[in-house]
Amino acid sequence: MATVLIVDDSPIDRRLAEGLLKKGSDLLFRFATDGKEAFDQIEQAQPDVVVTDLQMPEMNGLDLVRAVRAHFPLVPVILMTAHGSEDIAVQALSCGAASYVPKSQLAKELLNTVETVLGAAHAERHHARLRECLTRNQWNFMLDNDPSLVVAVVDHILQHVTRLRLCDETGRIRLAIALEEALLNALYHGNLEISSELRESDIKAYYALADERRQSELYGSRSILVEATLSRDEAVFVIRDEGPGFDASSLPDPSDPSNLERKSGRGLLLIHTFMDEVRHNIKGNEITMIKRRDD
């Protein structure tokens, strides 16, 4: 049973986060009122994931992210961001946070984000001891539109990232999240041509339409090409769907903190923050992501 440490100086917001995470999950909860208290608790007993506010006395969320990454790199930290804290949130993602959820989206996104990060962290812990003398690995996958294959291919790649020691434990969790975001974008938005606006307005209708289109000849026959090349210096990932593509220049600037609250740009923001280089092809149905070795 996974343990979640919820950090917020507001008792109401702490209980709100707990209530949202209790729905449909099997989790244990601990609480802290600021970053200092949270760090003291982590020193005593490490939780499986930390969910923290940014603006707090004593030690804020940004300082907590830095401290956890430095001393407990296997413990992922998820930010809860309020309007007006976008600049600090972007800094925290750059410093090692695993993901973020705007407070305006907590009811829709908090549980799913925690479960996603816990899954990536569990896989990382499972493979943390694996070290083999590999110098280069390369794979080509042709995936159908089954979300379970996304988890499988990310887990496979992460095993070899671990063996090549391209990045630390926190970096591998962030890499897993970026890969999953890109693969799910290729599946739902690329091959199945489902807009993010539908997911935001009616998540049940979103997944119902995905199930329907996976059964159709037009959409269901499309595949996702994944090319992964790993060496001791860098990892290069190319993900291409068979959809019509899109105008990549129309995407919101992922480096602009004002776009942090935009649902449609969340995945792209995480990808750009967690990868060292990102580019799209002209058609807009292929993304290339490069993660270079940590210094």
Protein backbone atom coordinates (compact mmCIF):
# COMPACT_ATOMS: atom_id res chain seq x y z
CA MET A 1 0.00 0.00 0.00
CA ALA A 2 1.53 3.31 -1.11
CA THR A 3 1.97 6.25 1.28
CA VAL A 4 1.30 9.83 0.18
CA LEU A 5 2.74 12.77 2.12
CA ILE A 6 0.49 15.81 1.59
CA VAL A 7 2.21 19.14 2.33
CA ASP A 8 0.17 22.35 2.62
CA ASP A 9 -0.08 25.08 5.25
CA SER A 10 -3.86 25.13 4.81
CA PRO A 11 -5.65 22.34 6.75
CA ILE A 12 -8.64 22.69 4.41
CA ASP A 13 -6.47 22.14 1.33
CA ARG A 14 -4.73 19.18 2.98
CA ARG A 15 -8.07 17.47 3.64
CA LEU A 16 -9.30 18.37 0.16
CA ALA A 17 -6.30 16.64 -1.43
CA GLU A 18 -6.77 13.64 0.85
CA GLY A 19 -10.44 13.38 -0.04
CA LEU A 20 -9.74 13.50 -3.77
CA LEU A 21 -7.03 10.84 -3.50
CA LYS A 22 -9.21 8.52 -1.41
CA LYS A 23 -11.66 8.12 -4.29
CA GLY A 24 -11.04 4.79 -5.97
CA SER A 25 -7.55 4.36 -4.51
CA ASP A 26 -5.85 2.29 -1.83
CA LEU A 27 -3.47 4.81 -0.27
CA LEU A 28 -2.15 5.76 3.16
CA PHE A 29 -1.75 9.42 4.07
CA ARG A 30 0.60 11.55 6.12
CA PHE A 31 0.52 15.34 6.45
CA ALA A 32 2.90 18.26 6.91
CA THR A 33 2.25 21.99 7.19
CA ASP A 34 5.38 23.18 5.36
CA GLY A 35 8.48 21.94 3.59
CA LYS A 36 10.66 21.76 6.69
CA GLU A 37 8.19 19.55 8.55
CA ALA A 38 7.78 17.43 5.41
CA PHE A 39 11.54 16.95 5.02
CA ASP A 40 11.85 15.95 8.68
CA GLN A 41 9.14 13.32 8.14
CA ILE A 42 10.84 12.01 4.99
CA GLU A 43 14.08 11.59 6.94
CA GLN A 44 12.23 9.44 9.48
CA ALA A 45 10.23 7.35 6.98
CA GLN A 46 10.22 7.85 3.23
CA PRO A 47 6.77 8.08 1.60
CA ASP A 48 6.11 6.71 -1.87
CA VAL A 49 5.18 10.15 -3.22
CA VAL A 50 4.97 13.75 -1.96
CA VAL A 51 2.13 16.06 -3.01
CA THR A 52 2.97 19.63 -2.06
CA ASP A 53 1.76 23.20 -2.30
CA LEU A 54 4.28 25.78 -3.51
CA GLN A 55 3.66 28.81 -1.31
CA MET A 56 4.37 27.88 2.34
CA PRO A 57 6.27 29.33 5.32
CA GLU A 58 9.57 27.95 6.64
CA MET A 59 10.42 25.96 3.48
CA ASN A 60 8.37 26.42 0.32
CA GLY A 61 7.60 23.82 -2.32
CA LEU A 62 10.52 24.81 -4.55
CA ASP A 63 13.04 24.36 -1.73
CA LEU A 64 11.39 21.06 -0.77
CA VAL A 65 11.76 19.75 -4.33
CA ARG A 66 15.47 20.62 -4.30
CA ALA A 67 16.04 19.01 -0.89
CA VAL A 68 14.18 15.81 -1.75
CA ARG A 69 15.99 15.37 -5.05
CA ALA A 70 19.36 15.91 -3.37
CA HIS A 71 18.79 13.52 -0.45
CA PHE A 72 15.94 11.17 -1.48
CA PRO A 73 16.02 10.90 -5.29
CA LEU A 74 13.67 7.88 -5.32
CA VAL A 75 10.85 9.92 -3.74
CA PRO A 76 8.90 11.78 -6.48
CA VAL A 77 7.33 15.17 -5.73
CA ILE A 78 4.10 16.44 -7.34
CA LEU A 79 3.25 20.15 -7.17
CA MET A 80 -0.16 21.65 -6.53
CA THR A 81 0.02 25.05 -8.24
CA ALA A 82 -2.21 28.04 -7.54
CA HIS A 83 -2.81 30.86 -10.00
CA GLY A 84 0.04 33.34 -9.70
CA SER A 85 2.71 30.76 -8.84
CA GLU A 86 3.45 29.72 -12.43
CA ASP A 87 7.03 31.05 -12.47
CA ILE A 88 7.98 29.12 -9.33
CA ALA A 89 6.25 26.00 -10.63
CA VAL A 90 8.34 26.03 -13.81
CA GLN A 91 11.49 26.40 -11.68
CA ALA A 92 10.40 23.46 -9.51
CA LEU A 93 9.82 21.24 -12.56
CA SER A 94 13.30 22.15 -13.77
CA CYS A 95 14.76 21.36 -10.34
CA GLY A 96 13.33 17.85 -10.14
CA ALA A 97 9.57 17.76 -9.52
CA ALA A 98 7.92 14.74 -11.16
CA SER A 99 4.72 16.50 -12.25
CA TYR A 100 2.25 19.22 -11.34
CA VAL A 101 -1.51 19.74 -11.06
CA PRO A 102 -3.09 23.24 -11.09
CA LYS A 103 -5.32 23.67 -8.05
CA SER A 104 -8.15 24.55 -10.42
CA GLN A 105 -7.82 21.02 -11.88
CA LEU A 106 -7.34 19.00 -8.66
CA ALA A 107 -10.72 17.26 -8.81
CA LYS A 108 -10.08 16.03 -12.35
CA GLU A 109 -6.35 15.39 -12.38
CA LEU A 110 -4.85 14.83 -8.92
CA LEU A 111 -5.65 11.12 -8.49
CA ASN A 112 -4.65 10.24 -12.05
CA THR A 113 -1.38 12.18 -11.73
CA VAL A 114 -0.49 10.49 -8.42
CA GLU A 115 -1.23 7.03 -9.86
CA THR A 116 0.88 7.76 -12.96
CA VAL A 117 3.85 8.99 -10.92
CA LEU A 118 3.55 6.08 -8.47
CA GLY A 119 3.63 3.65 -11.37
CA ALA A 120 6.76 5.22 -12.81
CA ALA A 121 8.42 5.37 -9.38
CA HIS A 122 7.58 1.72 -8.64
CA ALA A 123 9.17 0.61 -11.91
CA GLU A 124 12.24 2.73 -11.14
CA ARG A 125 12.68 1.19 -7.69
CA HIS A 126 12.20 -2.28 -9.17
CA HIS A 127 15.08 -1.76 -11.59
CA ALA A 128 17.31 0.52 -9.49
CA ARG A 129 19.89 -2.24 -8.86
CA LEU A 130 20.15 -3.36 -12.47
CA ARG A 131 23.50 -2.39 -13.91
CA GLU A 132 24.91 -4.06 -16.98
CA CYS A 133 27.89 -3.21 -19.15
CA LEU A 134 25.96 -1.99 -22.17
CA THR A 135 27.34 0.70 -24.48
CA ARG A 136 24.44 1.09 -26.93
CA ASN A 137 20.92 -0.25 -27.42
CA GLN A 138 18.46 0.37 -30.24
CA TRP A 139 14.86 -0.78 -30.69
CA ASN A 140 12.04 -0.26 -33.15
CA PHE A 141 8.49 -0.89 -31.91
CA MET A 142 5.29 -0.85 -33.94
CA LEU A 143 2.46 -0.45 -31.42
CA ASP A 144 -1.25 -0.74 -31.97
CA ASN A 145 -3.63 1.59 -30.13
CA ASP A 146 -3.60 -0.24 -26.81
CA PRO A 147 -2.75 1.99 -23.80
CA SER A 148 -1.31 -1.00 -21.91
CA LEU A 149 1.46 -1.22 -24.51
CA VAL A 150 2.51 2.33 -23.59
CA VAL A 151 3.26 1.23 -20.03
CA ALA A 152 5.12 -1.86 -21.28
CA VAL A 153 7.37 -0.04 -23.75
CA VAL A 154 8.21 2.74 -21.26
CA ASP A 155 9.10 0.15 -18.63
CA HIS A 156 11.30 -1.70 -21.14
CA ILE A 157 13.18 1.47 -22.10
CA LEU A 158 13.62 2.56 -18.47
CA GLN A 159 15.31 -0.73 -17.59
CA HIS A 160 18.05 0.01 -20.11
CA VAL A 161 18.31 3.71 -19.17
CA THR A 162 19.06 2.43 -15.67
CA ARG A 163 21.75 0.07 -16.88
CA LEU A 164 23.46 2.79 -18.91
CA ARG A 165 23.26 5.25 -15.98
CA LEU A 166 22.14 8.10 -18.20
CA CYS A 167 20.47 9.95 -15.33
CA ASP A 168 19.70 9.62 -11.64
CA GLU A 169 16.57 8.09 -10.16
CA THR A 170 14.57 11.32 -10.32
CA GLY A 171 15.65 11.86 -13.92
CA ARG A 172 14.45 8.38 -14.88
CA ILE A 173 11.02 9.01 -13.38
CA ARG A 174 10.78 12.29 -15.31
CA LEU A 175 11.93 10.53 -18.49
CA ALA A 176 9.21 7.90 -18.03
CA ILE A 177 6.55 10.59 -17.64
CA ALA A 178 7.74 12.45 -20.78
CA LEU A 179 7.73 9.23 -22.83
CA GLU A 180 4.25 8.30 -21.60
CA GLU A 181 2.90 11.76 -22.42
CA ALA A 182 4.32 11.60 -25.97
CA LEU A 183 3.02 8.06 -26.58
CA LEU A 184 -0.47 8.81 -25.28
CA ASN A 185 -0.58 11.96 -27.42
CA ALA A 186 0.30 9.83 -30.46
CA LEU A 187 -2.39 7.31 -29.55
CA TYR A 188 -5.35 9.52 -28.59
CA HIS A 189 -4.70 12.78 -30.43
CA GLY A 190 -2.73 11.39 -33.38
CA ASN A 191 -4.12 8.00 -34.42
CA LEU A 192 -7.59 8.28 -32.87
CA GLU A 193 -7.93 12.03 -33.58
CA ILE A 194 -9.62 12.88 -30.27
CA SER A 195 -9.28 16.46 -29.05
CA SER A 196 -8.04 17.38 -25.58
CA GLU A 197 -11.07 19.69 -25.26
CA LEU A 198 -13.35 16.63 -25.03
CA ARG A 199 -11.21 15.15 -22.27
CA GLU A 200 -11.44 18.39 -20.33
CA SER A 201 -15.21 18.71 -20.70
CA ASP A 202 -16.31 15.05 -20.43
CA ILE A 203 -13.64 12.47 -19.59
CA LYS A 204 -16.07 9.53 -19.82
CA ALA A 205 -17.09 10.56 -23.33
CA TYR A 206 -13.41 10.95 -24.20
CA TYR A 207 -12.54 7.35 -23.31
CA ALA A 208 -15.80 6.01 -24.74
CA LEU A 209 -14.97 7.60 -28.08
CA ALA A 210 -11.44 6.16 -27.87
CA ASP A 211 -12.85 2.66 -27.35
CA GLU A 212 -15.21 3.14 -30.30
CA ARG A 213 -12.48 4.38 -32.63
CA ARG A 214 -10.09 1.58 -31.68
CA GLN A 215 -12.66 -0.82 -33.13
CA SER A 216 -13.11 1.07 -36.40
CA GLU A 217 -11.15 0.26 -39.54
CA LEU A 218 -10.26 3.90 -40.22
CA TYR A 219 -8.68 4.66 -36.86
CA GLY A 220 -8.02 1.25 -35.32
CA SER A 221 -5.70 0.06 -38.06
CA ARG A 222 -3.20 2.86 -37.44
CA SER A 223 0.03 2.15 -35.58
CA ILE A 224 2.58 4.06 -33.51
CA LEU A 225 6.24 3.78 -34.53
CA VAL A 226 8.70 4.08 -31.66
CA GLU A 227 12.43 4.28 -32.30
CA ALA A 228 14.68 4.35 -29.24
CA THR A 229 18.48 4.65 -29.41
CA LEU A 230 20.38 4.61 -26.11
CA SER A 231 24.09 5.11 -25.57
CA ARG A 232 26.18 6.15 -22.60
CA ASP A 233 25.96 9.80 -23.72
CA GLU A 234 22.32 10.25 -24.69
CA ALA A 235 18.93 8.71 -25.41
CA VAL A 236 17.09 9.61 -28.62
CA PHE A 237 13.39 8.81 -29.02
CA VAL A 238 11.34 9.18 -32.19
CA ILE A 239 7.58 8.64 -31.89
CA ARG A 240 5.43 8.82 -35.02
CA ASP A 241 1.70 8.21 -35.39
CA GLU A 242 -0.30 7.62 -38.58
CA GLY A 243 -2.79 10.42 -38.03
CA PRO A 244 -3.17 13.56 -40.17
CA GLY A 245 -0.71 15.55 -38.05
CA PHE A 246 -1.08 19.13 -36.83
CA ASP A 247 0.59 22.52 -36.99
CA ALA A 248 3.23 22.32 -34.25
CA SER A 249 3.72 26.10 -34.40
CA SER A 250 0.16 26.54 -33.08
CA LEU A 251 0.99 24.86 -29.77
CA PRO A 252 1.22 27.11 -26.68
CA ASP A 253 4.77 28.03 -25.72
CA PRO A 254 5.70 25.37 -23.11
CA SER A 255 8.30 27.66 -21.54
CA ASP A 256 5.76 30.43 -20.85
CA PRO A 257 4.52 30.16 -17.23
CA SER A 258 1.19 31.75 -18.25
CA ASN A 259 0.37 28.51 -20.08
CA LEU A 260 0.71 26.37 -16.95
CA GLU A 261 -3.04 26.41 -16.32
CA ARG A 262 -3.87 25.38 -19.90
CA LYS A 263 -4.99 21.78 -20.03
CA SER A 264 -4.01 21.29 -23.67
CA GLY A 265 -0.38 22.28 -23.10
CA ARG A 266 0.34 20.30 -19.93
CA GLY A 267 1.86 17.23 -21.61
CA LEU A 268 4.01 19.36 -23.89
CA LEU A 269 5.26 21.42 -20.94
CA LEU A 270 6.35 18.25 -19.13
CA ILE A 271 8.05 16.88 -22.26
CA HIS A 272 9.98 20.11 -22.91
CA THR A 273 10.97 20.46 -19.26
CA PHE A 274 12.13 16.87 -18.81
CA MET A 275 13.91 16.43 -22.16
CA ASP A 276 17.02 18.33 -23.32
CA GLU A 277 15.82 18.73 -26.91
CA VAL A 278 12.38 18.37 -28.53
CA ARG A 279 11.36 18.87 -32.15
CA HIS A 280 8.42 18.02 -34.42
CA ASN A 281 8.41 17.12 -38.10
CA ILE A 282 6.70 19.38 -40.65
CA LYS A 283 3.57 17.22 -40.87
CA GLY A 284 3.19 17.28 -37.10
CA ASN A 285 2.78 13.52 -36.61
CA GLU A 286 6.32 12.85 -35.32
CA ILE A 287 8.18 14.03 -32.24
CA THR A 288 11.89 13.60 -31.57
CA MET A 289 13.06 13.83 -27.95
CA ILE A 290 16.65 13.76 -26.73
CA LYS A 291 17.78 13.22 -23.15
CA ARG A 292 21.50 13.76 -22.63
CA ARG A 293 23.55 12.18 -19.89
CA ASP A 294 23.46 13.94 -16.53
CA ASP A 295 26.74 15.60 -15.63
